[in-house]
Amino acid sequence: MSPMPVDDDQVRDALRMVIDPEAGMNIVDLGLVYGIEADADGVRIELTMTSAACPMADMIMDQARDAIAGAIGRDTPIDIELVWDPPWTPDKMSDFARDQFGWAPR
C-alpha cells in the first residue's frame, strides 16, 4: 500500500503548531519557514531563525520534525535544512504576526 500523497499546505498547517518560545508565535507566521517541498519522496523544509545565535534552534527544528511526522506519518522522510540566506527580517512575518506585535502599517 502506497503512502498518501503529502502536499505543501498539509506541512504548513503542521508547522503552524510549532511555537517559537521567545516570540510566542508560530514559525510560519513569524516567517521562519522559507520553503516547503512535499512529494512522493518525502518532505524538504528550509527553515531559518531570527538570529544565528538563537538558543532555541535545535528545539524548534525537533518540534518541526515531530509536528510534520505527526501530520503525515512517521514513515515519510523529512529533511529540515537550517538556512541563513536571506537573513530573516520582520518583513518576512505575516500580516497577522505584524499586527500581533503592533508592527502593522497604520
PDB file of N, CA and C in Angstrom:
ATOM      1  N   MET A   1       0.835  -1.184   0.000  1.00  0.00           N
ATOM      2  CA  MET A   1       0.000   0.000   0.000  1.00  0.00           C
ATOM      3  C   MET A   1       0.877   1.243   0.000  1.00  0.00           C
ATOM      4  N   SER A   2       0.649   2.149  -0.928  1.00  0.00           N
ATOM      5  CA  SER A   2       1.437   3.380  -1.048  1.00  0.00           C
ATOM      6  C   SER A   2       1.006   4.390   0.002  1.00  0.00           C
ATOM      7  N   PRO A   3       1.975   5.198   0.477  1.00  0.00           N
ATOM      8  CA  PRO A   3       1.580   6.251   1.411  1.00  0.00           C
ATOM      9  C   PRO A   3       0.730   7.299   0.708  1.00  0.00           C
ATOM     10  N   MET A   4      -0.122   7.957   1.484  1.00  0.00           N
ATOM     11  CA  MET A   4      -0.961   9.022   0.933  1.00  0.00           C
ATOM     12  C   MET A   4      -0.072  10.172   0.475  1.00  0.00           C
ATOM     13  N   PRO A   5      -0.447  10.838  -0.618  1.00  0.00           N
ATOM     14  CA  PRO A   5       0.356  11.980  -1.051  1.00  0.00           C
ATOM     15  C   PRO A   5       0.313  13.095  -0.011  1.00  0.00           C
ATOM     16  N   VAL A   6       1.415  13.784   0.093  1.00  0.00           N
ATOM     17  CA  VAL A   6       1.542  14.898   1.038  1.00  0.00           C
ATOM     18  C   VAL A   6       1.608  16.172   0.222  1.00  0.00           C
ATOM     19  N   ASP A   7       0.928  17.224   0.689  1.00  0.00           N
ATOM     20  CA  ASP A   7       1.037  18.492  -0.027  1.00  0.00           C
ATOM     21  C   ASP A   7       1.599  19.577   0.887  1.00  0.00           C
ATOM     22  N   ASP A   8       2.045  20.651   0.265  1.00  0.00           N
ATOM     23  CA  ASP A   8       2.689  21.747   0.989  1.00  0.00           C
ATOM     24  C   ASP A   8       1.777  22.333   2.068  1.00  0.00           C
ATOM     25  N   ASP A   9       0.480  22.463   1.773  1.00  0.00           N
ATOM     26  CA  ASP A   9      -0.444  23.055   2.739  1.00  0.00           C
ATOM     27  C   ASP A   9      -0.560  22.204   4.002  1.00  0.00           C
ATOM     28  N   GLN A  10      -0.547  20.901   3.835  1.00  0.00           N
ATOM     29  CA  GLN A  10      -0.604  19.989   4.970  1.00  0.00           C
ATOM     30  C   GLN A  10       0.617  20.191   5.873  1.00  0.00           C
ATOM     31  N   VAL A  11       1.773  20.333   5.260  1.00  0.00           N
ATOM     32  CA  VAL A  11       3.011  20.544   6.011  1.00  0.00           C
ATOM     33  C   VAL A  11       2.982  21.916   6.683  1.00  0.00           C
ATOM     34  N   ARG A  12       2.552  22.931   5.948  1.00  0.00           N
ATOM     35  CA  ARG A  12       2.480  24.289   6.511  1.00  0.00           C
ATOM     36  C   ARG A  12       1.545  24.323   7.717  1.00  0.00           C
ATOM     37  N   ASP A  13       0.402  23.652   7.623  1.00  0.00           N
ATOM     38  CA  ASP A  13      -0.529  23.598   8.750  1.00  0.00           C
ATOM     39  C   ASP A  13       0.113  22.934   9.961  1.00  0.00           C
ATOM     40  N   ALA A  14       0.871  21.869   9.740  1.00  0.00           N
ATOM     41  CA  ALA A  14       1.563  21.199  10.848  1.00  0.00           C
ATOM     42  C   ALA A  14       2.592  22.133  11.477  1.00  0.00           C
ATOM     43  N   LEU A  15       3.291  22.896  10.643  1.00  0.00           N
ATOM     44  CA  LEU A  15       4.322  23.806  11.165  1.00  0.00           C
ATOM     45  C   LEU A  15       3.721  24.972  11.945  1.00  0.00           C
ATOM     46  N   ARG A  16       2.467  25.285  11.710  1.00  0.00           N
ATOM     47  CA  ARG A  16       1.801  26.333  12.489  1.00  0.00           C
ATOM     48  C   ARG A  16       1.644  25.929  13.960  1.00  0.00           C
ATOM     49  N   MET A  17       1.828  24.658  14.260  1.00  0.00           N
ATOM     50  CA  MET A  17       1.741  24.177  15.638  1.00  0.00           C
ATOM     51  C   MET A  17       3.064  24.368  16.390  1.00  0.00           C
ATOM     52  N   VAL A  18       4.117  24.741  15.673  1.00  0.00           N
ATOM     53  CA  VAL A  18       5.438  24.926  16.288  1.00  0.00           C
ATOM     54  C   VAL A  18       5.573  26.395  16.685  1.00  0.00           C
ATOM     55  N   ILE A  19       5.728  26.615  17.979  1.00  0.00           N
ATOM     56  CA  ILE A  19       5.801  27.974  18.520  1.00  0.00           C
ATOM     57  C   ILE A  19       7.234  28.323  18.875  1.00  0.00           C
ATOM     58  N   ASP A  20       7.688  29.472  18.404  1.00  0.00           N
ATOM     59  CA  ASP A  20       8.988  29.993  18.837  1.00  0.00           C
ATOM     60  C   ASP A  20       8.770  30.509  20.259  1.00  0.00           C
ATOM     61  N   PRO A  21       9.401  29.880  21.261  1.00  0.00           N
ATOM     62  CA  PRO A  21       9.110  30.257  22.649  1.00  0.00           C
ATOM     63  C   PRO A  21       9.548  31.674  23.009  1.00  0.00           C
ATOM     64  N   GLU A  22      10.520  32.195  22.311  1.00  0.00           N
ATOM     65  CA  GLU A  22      10.962  33.562  22.606  1.00  0.00           C
ATOM     66  C   GLU A  22       9.980  34.600  22.066  1.00  0.00           C
ATOM     67  N   ALA A  23       9.355  34.286  20.935  1.00  0.00           N
ATOM     68  CA  ALA A  23       8.418  35.234  20.322  1.00  0.00           C
ATOM     69  C   ALA A  23       6.966  34.925  20.695  1.00  0.00           C
ATOM     70  N   GLY A  24       6.681  33.690  21.095  1.00  0.00           N
ATOM     71  CA  GLY A  24       5.316  33.316  21.425  1.00  0.00           C
ATOM     72  C   GLY A  24       4.408  33.263  20.210  1.00  0.00           C
ATOM     73  N   MET A  25       4.978  32.943  19.061  1.00  0.00           N
ATOM     74  CA  MET A  25       4.235  32.942  17.791  1.00  0.00           C
ATOM     75  C   MET A  25       4.696  31.732  16.989  1.00  0.00           C
ATOM     76  N   ASN A  26       3.815  31.205  16.137  1.00  0.00           N
ATOM     77  CA  ASN A  26       4.203  30.042  15.337  1.00  0.00           C
ATOM     78  C   ASN A  26       5.229  30.435  14.270  1.00  0.00           C
ATOM     79  N   ILE A  27       6.029  29.447  13.866  1.00  0.00           N
ATOM     80  CA  ILE A  27       7.153  29.713  12.970  1.00  0.00           C
ATOM     81  C   ILE A  27       6.728  30.076  11.553  1.00  0.00           C
ATOM     82  N   VAL A  28       5.509  29.693  11.156  1.00  0.00           N
ATOM     83  CA  VAL A  28       5.028  30.066   9.823  1.00  0.00           C
ATOM     84  C   VAL A  28       4.721  31.555   9.794  1.00  0.00           C
ATOM     85  N   ASP A  29       3.916  32.033  10.749  1.00  0.00           N
ATOM     86  CA  ASP A  29       3.571  33.454  10.772  1.00  0.00           C
ATOM     87  C   ASP A  29       4.780  34.345  11.071  1.00  0.00           C
ATOM     88  N   LEU A  30       5.756  33.809  11.797  1.00  0.00           N
ATOM     89  CA  LEU A  30       6.988  34.581  12.030  1.00  0.00           C
ATOM     90  C   LEU A  30       7.820  34.725  10.761  1.00  0.00           C
ATOM     91  N   GLY A  31       7.537  33.906   9.755  1.00  0.00           N
ATOM     92  CA  GLY A  31       8.296  33.974   8.509  1.00  0.00           C
ATOM     93  C   GLY A  31       9.584  33.188   8.570  1.00  0.00           C
ATOM     94  N   LEU A  32       9.660  32.194   9.459  1.00  0.00           N
ATOM     95  CA  LEU A  32      10.875  31.398   9.596  1.00  0.00           C
ATOM     96  C   LEU A  32      10.935  30.236   8.606  1.00  0.00           C
ATOM     97  N   VAL A  33       9.807  29.923   7.982  1.00  0.00           N
ATOM     98  CA  VAL A  33       9.761  28.839   7.005  1.00  0.00           C
ATOM     99  C   VAL A  33       9.991  29.450   5.626  1.00  0.00           C
ATOM    100  N   TYR A  34      11.141  29.171   5.058  1.00  0.00           N
ATOM    101  CA  TYR A  34      11.497  29.750   3.762  1.00  0.00           C
ATOM    102  C   TYR A  34      11.034  28.899   2.589  1.00  0.00           C
ATOM    103  N   GLY A  35      10.909  27.596   2.794  1.00  0.00           N
ATOM    104  CA  GLY A  35      10.490  26.755   1.684  1.00  0.00           C
ATOM    105  C   GLY A  35       9.956  25.426   2.156  1.00  0.00           C
ATOM    106  N   ILE A  36       8.975  24.914   1.409  1.00  0.00           N
ATOM    107  CA  ILE A  36       8.396  23.601   1.668  1.00  0.00           C
ATOM    108  C   ILE A  36       8.285  22.889   0.328  1.00  0.00           C
ATOM    109  N   GLU A  37       8.812  21.683   0.272  1.00  0.00           N
ATOM    110  CA  GLU A  37       8.617  20.809  -0.882  1.00  0.00           C
ATOM    111  C   GLU A  37       8.126  19.484  -0.349  1.00  0.00           C
ATOM    112  N   ALA A  38       6.956  19.082  -0.785  1.00  0.00           N
ATOM    113  CA  ALA A  38       6.395  17.801  -0.376  1.00  0.00           C
ATOM    114  C   ALA A  38       6.003  17.028  -1.620  1.00  0.00           C
ATOM    115  N   ASP A  39       6.493  15.797  -1.707  1.00  0.00           N
ATOM    116  CA  ASP A  39       6.148  14.945  -2.833  1.00  0.00           C
ATOM    117  C   ASP A  39       6.230  13.492  -2.392  1.00  0.00           C
ATOM    118  N   ALA A  40       6.141  12.591  -3.336  1.00  0.00           N
ATOM    119  CA  ALA A  40       6.132  11.162  -3.021  1.00  0.00           C
ATOM    120  C   ALA A  40       7.428  10.697  -2.355  1.00  0.00           C
ATOM    121  N   ASP A  41       8.512  11.456  -2.530  1.00  0.00           N
ATOM    122  CA  ASP A  41       9.802  11.073  -1.952  1.00  0.00           C
ATOM    123  C   ASP A  41      10.004  11.583  -0.533  1.00  0.00           C
ATOM    124  N   GLY A  42       9.137  12.471  -0.068  1.00  0.00           N
ATOM    125  CA  GLY A  42       9.277  12.989   1.287  1.00  0.00           C
ATOM    126  C   GLY A  42       9.017  14.476   1.359  1.00  0.00           C
ATOM    127  N   VAL A  43       9.473  15.054   2.454  1.00  0.00           N
ATOM    128  CA  VAL A  43       9.255  16.471   2.726  1.00  0.00           C
ATOM    129  C   VAL A  43      10.606  17.132   2.948  1.00  0.00           C
ATOM    130  N   ARG A  44      10.806  18.262   2.297  1.00  0.00           N
ATOM    131  CA  ARG A  44      12.013  19.065   2.480  1.00  0.00           C
ATOM    132  C   ARG A  44      11.599  20.468   2.912  1.00  0.00           C
ATOM    133  N   ILE A  45      12.219  20.934   3.980  1.00  0.00           N
ATOM    134  CA  ILE A  45      11.892  22.243   4.549  1.00  0.00           C
ATOM    135  C   ILE A  45      13.164  23.069   4.616  1.00  0.00           C
ATOM    136  N   GLU A  46      13.058  24.343   4.248  1.00  0.00           N
ATOM    137  CA  GLU A  46      14.107  25.325   4.524  1.00  0.00           C
ATOM    138  C   GLU A  46      13.574  26.207   5.629  1.00  0.00           C
ATOM    139  N   LEU A  47      14.310  26.250   6.720  1.00  0.00           N
ATOM    140  CA  LEU A  47      13.891  26.947   7.928  1.00  0.00           C
ATOM    141  C   LEU A  47      15.022  27.846   8.381  1.00  0.00           C
ATOM    142  N   THR A  48      14.685  29.005   8.907  1.00  0.00           N
ATOM    143  CA  THR A  48      15.694  29.901   9.453  1.00  0.00           C
ATOM    144  C   THR A  48      15.293  30.273  10.870  1.00  0.00           C
ATOM    145  N   MET A  49      16.123  31.019  11.511  1.00  0.00           N
ATOM    146  CA  MET A  49      15.839  31.562  12.840  1.00  0.00           C
ATOM    147  C   MET A  49      15.959  33.079  12.752  1.00  0.00           C
ATOM    148  N   THR A  50      15.427  33.763  13.745  1.00  0.00           N
ATOM    149  CA  THR A  50      15.509  35.224  13.726  1.00  0.00           C
ATOM    150  C   THR A  50      16.939  35.696  13.897  1.00  0.00           C
ATOM    151  N   SER A  51      17.783  34.825  14.462  1.00  0.00           N
ATOM    152  CA  SER A  51      19.187  35.170  14.681  1.00  0.00           C
ATOM    153  C   SER A  51      20.014  33.893  14.634  1.00  0.00           C
ATOM    154  N   ALA A  52      21.233  33.994  14.127  1.00  0.00           N
ATOM    155  CA  ALA A  52      22.139  32.839  14.118  1.00  0.00           C
ATOM    156  C   ALA A  52      22.496  32.412  15.540  1.00  0.00           C
ATOM    157  N   ALA A  53      22.305  33.297  16.489  1.00  0.00           N
ATOM    158  CA  ALA A  53      22.615  32.987  17.890  1.00  0.00           C
ATOM    159  C   ALA A  53      21.393  32.447  18.641  1.00  0.00           C
ATOM    160  N   CYS A  54      20.352  32.092  17.940  1.00  0.00           N
ATOM    161  CA  CYS A  54      19.120  31.624  18.579  1.00  0.00           C
ATOM    162  C   CYS A  54      19.393  30.365  19.407  1.00  0.00           C
ATOM    163  N   PRO A  55      19.162  30.430  20.718  1.00  0.00           N
ATOM    164  CA  PRO A  55      19.422  29.259  21.558  1.00  0.00           C
ATOM    165  C   PRO A  55      18.352  28.172  21.415  1.00  0.00           C
ATOM    166  N   MET A  56      17.270  28.470  20.728  1.00  0.00           N
ATOM    167  CA  MET A  56      16.157  27.531  20.597  1.00  0.00           C
ATOM    168  C   MET A  56      16.148  26.801  19.258  1.00  0.00           C
ATOM    169  N   ALA A  57      17.155  26.999  18.412  1.00  0.00           N
ATOM    170  CA  ALA A  57      17.147  26.446  17.060  1.00  0.00           C
ATOM    171  C   ALA A  57      16.967  24.927  17.053  1.00  0.00           C
ATOM    172  N   ASP A  58      17.740  24.203  17.842  1.00  0.00           N
ATOM    173  CA  ASP A  58      17.623  22.744  17.845  1.00  0.00           C
ATOM    174  C   ASP A  58      16.239  22.301  18.302  1.00  0.00           C
ATOM    175  N   MET A  59      15.726  22.938  19.338  1.00  0.00           N
ATOM    176  CA  MET A  59      14.417  22.590  19.855  1.00  0.00           C
ATOM    177  C   MET A  59      13.325  22.858  18.806  1.00  0.00           C
ATOM    178  N   ILE A  60      13.397  23.996  18.143  1.00  0.00           N
ATOM    179  CA  ILE A  60      12.411  24.355  17.124  1.00  0.00           C
ATOM    180  C   ILE A  60      12.477  23.371  15.956  1.00  0.00           C
ATOM    181  N   MET A  61      13.674  23.011  15.538  1.00  0.00           N
ATOM    182  CA  MET A  61      13.814  22.054  14.437  1.00  0.00           C
ATOM    183  C   MET A  61      13.265  20.683  14.836  1.00  0.00           C
ATOM    184  N   ASP A  62      13.519  20.235  16.057  1.00  0.00           N
ATOM    185  CA  ASP A  62      12.968  18.958  16.538  1.00  0.00           C
ATOM    186  C   ASP A  62      11.447  19.002  16.577  1.00  0.00           C
ATOM    187  N   GLN A  63      10.897  20.111  17.080  1.00  0.00           N
ATOM    188  CA  GLN A  63       9.443  20.239  17.145  1.00  0.00           C
ATOM    189  C   GLN A  63       8.830  20.290  15.747  1.00  0.00           C
ATOM    190  N   ALA A  64       9.521  20.930  14.803  1.00  0.00           N
ATOM    191  CA  ALA A  64       9.034  20.984  13.424  1.00  0.00           C
ATOM    192  C   ALA A  64       8.992  19.581  12.833  1.00  0.00           C
ATOM    193  N   ARG A  65      10.049  18.823  13.040  1.00  0.00           N
ATOM    194  CA  ARG A  65      10.106  17.445  12.533  1.00  0.00           C
ATOM    195  C   ARG A  65       8.978  16.603  13.155  1.00  0.00           C
ATOM    196  N   ASP A  66       8.788  16.738  14.465  1.00  0.00           N
ATOM    197  CA  ASP A  66       7.734  15.979  15.146  1.00  0.00           C
ATOM    198  C   ASP A  66       6.341  16.385  14.667  1.00  0.00           C
ATOM    199  N   ALA A  67       6.120  17.679  14.461  1.00  0.00           N
ATOM    200  CA  ALA A  67       4.812  18.160  14.001  1.00  0.00           C
ATOM    201  C   ALA A  67       4.497  17.626  12.609  1.00  0.00           C
ATOM    202  N   ILE A  68       5.489  17.648  11.729  1.00  0.00           N
ATOM    203  CA  ILE A  68       5.279  17.143  10.367  1.00  0.00           C
ATOM    204  C   ILE A  68       5.027  15.638  10.405  1.00  0.00           C
ATOM    205  N   ALA A  69       5.848  14.916  11.147  1.00  0.00           N
ATOM    206  CA  ALA A  69       5.683  13.461  11.238  1.00  0.00           C
ATOM    207  C   ALA A  69       4.315  13.102  11.807  1.00  0.00           C
ATOM    208  N   GLY A  70       3.846  13.866  12.779  1.00  0.00           N
ATOM    209  CA  GLY A  70       2.532  13.613  13.357  1.00  0.00           C
ATOM    210  C   GLY A  70       1.405  13.842  12.366  1.00  0.00           C
ATOM    211  N   ALA A  71       1.614  14.766  11.447  1.00  0.00           N
ATOM    212  CA  ALA A  71       0.571  15.105  10.476  1.00  0.00           C
ATOM    213  C   ALA A  71       0.561  14.185   9.262  1.00  0.00           C
ATOM    214  N   ILE A  72       1.735  13.714   8.856  1.00  0.00           N
ATOM    215  CA  ILE A  72       1.805  12.953   7.602  1.00  0.00           C
ATOM    216  C   ILE A  72       2.226  11.511   7.788  1.00  0.00           C
ATOM    217  N   GLY A  73       2.658  11.144   8.966  1.00  0.00           N
ATOM    218  CA  GLY A  73       3.101   9.773   9.201  1.00  0.00           C
ATOM    219  C   GLY A  73       4.602   9.692   9.382  1.00  0.00           C
ATOM    220  N   ARG A  74       5.006   8.822  10.223  1.00  0.00           N
ATOM    221  CA  ARG A  74       6.418   8.714  10.591  1.00  0.00           C
ATOM    222  C   ARG A  74       7.264   8.000   9.541  1.00  0.00           C
ATOM    223  N   ASP A  75       6.641   7.364   8.562  1.00  0.00           N
ATOM    224  CA  ASP A  75       7.410   6.647   7.544  1.00  0.00           C
ATOM    225  C   ASP A  75       7.884   7.543   6.410  1.00  0.00           C
ATOM    226  N   THR A  76       7.388   8.760   6.351  1.00  0.00           N
ATOM    227  CA  THR A  76       7.763   9.692   5.283  1.00  0.00           C
ATOM    228  C   THR A  76       9.072  10.380   5.649  1.00  0.00           C
ATOM    229  N   PRO A  77      10.073  10.345   4.768  1.00  0.00           N
ATOM    230  CA  PRO A  77      11.326  11.040   5.058  1.00  0.00           C
ATOM    231  C   PRO A  77      11.105  12.556   5.194  1.00  0.00           C
ATOM    232  N   ILE A  78      11.724  13.138   6.205  1.00  0.00           N
ATOM    233  CA  ILE A  78      11.619  14.575   6.462  1.00  0.00           C
ATOM    234  C   ILE A  78      13.029  15.135   6.567  1.00  0.00           C
ATOM    235  N   ASP A  79      13.328  16.108   5.729  1.00  0.00           N
ATOM    236  CA  ASP A  79      14.636  16.757   5.738  1.00  0.00           C
ATOM    237  C   ASP A  79      14.424  18.235   6.043  1.00  0.00           C
ATOM    238  N   ILE A  80      14.984  18.693   7.153  1.00  0.00           N
ATOM    239  CA  ILE A  80      14.872  20.106   7.522  1.00  0.00           C
ATOM    240  C   ILE A  80      16.266  20.712   7.464  1.00  0.00           C
ATOM    241  N   GLU A  81      16.406  21.715   6.607  1.00  0.00           N
ATOM    242  CA  GLU A  81      17.690  22.398   6.452  1.00  0.00           C
ATOM    243  C   GLU A  81      17.597  23.780   7.091  1.00  0.00           C
ATOM    244  N   LEU A  82      18.543  24.076   7.960  1.00  0.00           N
ATOM    245  CA  LEU A  82      18.628  25.400   8.568  1.00  0.00           C
ATOM    246  C   LEU A  82      19.428  26.291   7.626  1.00  0.00           C
ATOM    247  N   VAL A  83      18.809  27.384   7.178  1.00  0.00           N
ATOM    248  CA  VAL A  83      19.445  28.276   6.208  1.00  0.00           C
ATOM    249  C   VAL A  83      19.541  29.692   6.793  1.00  0.00           C
ATOM    250  N   TRP A  84      20.488  30.453   6.284  1.00  0.00           N
ATOM    251  CA  TRP A  84      20.696  31.814   6.784  1.00  0.00           C
ATOM    252  C   TRP A  84      20.634  32.852   5.680  1.00  0.00           C
ATOM    253  N   ASP A  85      20.408  32.410   4.451  1.00  0.00           N
ATOM    254  CA  ASP A  85      20.377  33.343   3.334  1.00  0.00           C
ATOM    255  C   ASP A  85      19.054  33.174   2.599  1.00  0.00           C
ATOM    256  N   PRO A  86      18.257  34.198   2.533  1.00  0.00           N
ATOM    257  CA  PRO A  86      18.500  35.546   3.042  1.00  0.00           C
ATOM    258  C   PRO A  86      18.292  35.604   4.555  1.00  0.00           C
ATOM    259  N   PRO A  87      18.961  36.543   5.200  1.00  0.00           N
ATOM    260  CA  PRO A  87      18.764  36.694   6.640  1.00  0.00           C
ATOM    261  C   PRO A  87      17.307  37.053   6.938  1.00  0.00           C
ATOM    262  N   TRP A  88      16.810  36.555   8.072  1.00  0.00           N
ATOM    263  CA  TRP A  88      15.448  36.859   8.479  1.00  0.00           C
ATOM    264  C   TRP A  88      15.341  38.329   8.856  1.00  0.00           C
ATOM    265  N   THR A  89      14.243  38.946   8.454  1.00  0.00           N
ATOM    266  CA  THR A  89      13.901  40.306   8.860  1.00  0.00           C
ATOM    267  C   THR A  89      12.397  40.328   9.141  1.00  0.00           C
ATOM    268  N   PRO A  90      11.924  41.282   9.924  1.00  0.00           N
ATOM    269  CA  PRO A  90      10.498  41.327  10.262  1.00  0.00           C
ATOM    270  C   PRO A  90       9.560  41.418   9.056  1.00  0.00           C
ATOM    271  N   ASP A  91      10.046  41.863   7.913  1.00  0.00           N
ATOM    272  CA  ASP A  91       9.166  41.946   6.746  1.00  0.00           C
ATOM    273  C   ASP A  91       8.753  40.562   6.239  1.00  0.00           C
ATOM    274  N   LYS A  92       9.379  39.502   6.735  1.00  0.00           N
ATOM    275  CA  LYS A  92       9.013  38.141   6.352  1.00  0.00           C
ATOM    276  C   LYS A  92       7.808  37.628   7.158  1.00  0.00           C
ATOM    277  N   MET A  93       7.427  38.361   8.196  1.00  0.00           N
ATOM    278  CA  MET A  93       6.295  37.970   9.040  1.00  0.00           C
ATOM    279  C   MET A  93       4.979  38.158   8.283  1.00  0.00           C
ATOM    280  N   SER A  94       3.998  37.359   8.654  1.00  0.00           N
ATOM    281  CA  SER A  94       2.659  37.521   8.070  1.00  0.00           C
ATOM    282  C   SER A  94       2.035  38.814   8.603  1.00  0.00           C
ATOM    283  N   ASP A  95       1.015  39.287   7.928  1.00  0.00           N
ATOM    284  CA  ASP A  95       0.290  40.466   8.412  1.00  0.00           C
ATOM    285  C   ASP A  95      -0.262  40.211   9.811  1.00  0.00           C
ATOM    286  N   PHE A  96      -0.738  38.976  10.045  1.00  0.00           N
ATOM    287  CA  PHE A  96      -1.256  38.613  11.364  1.00  0.00           C
ATOM    288  C   PHE A  96      -0.182  38.796  12.437  1.00  0.00           C
ATOM    289  N   ALA A  97       1.030  38.300  12.176  1.00  0.00           N
ATOM    290  CA  ALA A  97       2.111  38.402  13.159  1.00  0.00           C
ATOM    291  C   ALA A  97       2.501  39.857  13.395  1.00  0.00           C
ATOM    292  N   ARG A  98       2.629  40.618  12.319  1.00  0.00           N
ATOM    293  CA  ARG A  98       2.988  42.036  12.478  1.00  0.00           C
ATOM    294  C   ARG A  98       1.935  42.765  13.294  1.00  0.00           C
ATOM    295  N   ASP A  99       0.671  42.433  13.050  1.00  0.00           N
ATOM    296  CA  ASP A  99      -0.410  43.049  13.793  1.00  0.00           C
ATOM    297  C   ASP A  99      -0.328  42.659  15.281  1.00  0.00           C
ATOM    298  N   GLN A 100      -0.054  41.391  15.559  1.00  0.00           N
ATOM    299  CA  GLN A 100       0.048  40.923  16.946  1.00  0.00           C
ATOM    300  C   GLN A 100       1.156  41.648  17.722  1.00  0.00           C
ATOM    301  N   PHE A 101       2.231  41.970  17.001  1.00  0.00           N
ATOM    302  CA  PHE A 101       3.349  42.671  17.641  1.00  0.00           C
ATOM    303  C   PHE A 101       3.228  44.194  17.550  1.00  0.00           C
ATOM    304  N   GLY A 102       2.129  44.654  16.954  1.00  0.00           N
ATOM    305  CA  GLY A 102       1.923  46.095  16.839  1.00  0.00           C
ATOM    306  C   GLY A 102       2.752  46.733  15.745  1.00  0.00           C
ATOM    307  N   TRP A 103       3.183  45.934  14.754  1.00  0.00           N
ATOM    308  CA  TRP A 103       4.021  46.439  13.673  1.00  0.00           C
ATOM    309  C   TRP A 103       3.264  46.608  12.370  1.00  0.00           C
ATOM    310  N   ALA A 104       1.937  46.483  12.411  1.00  0.00           N
ATOM    311  CA  ALA A 104       1.135  46.586  11.205  1.00  0.00           C
ATOM    312  C   ALA A 104       1.133  48.034  10.721  1.00  0.00           C
ATOM    313  N   PRO A 105       1.093  48.220   9.412  1.00  0.00           N
ATOM    314  CA  PRO A 105       1.004  49.579   8.888  1.00  0.00           C
ATOM    315  C   PRO A 105      -0.259  50.261   9.413  1.00  0.00           C
ATOM    316  N   ARG A 106      -0.153  51.498   9.693  1.00  0.00           N
ATOM    317  CA  ARG A 106      -1.303  52.262  10.205  1.00  0.00           C
ATOM    318  C   ARG A 106      -1.965  53.021   9.080  1.00  0.00           C
TER     319      ARG A 106
END
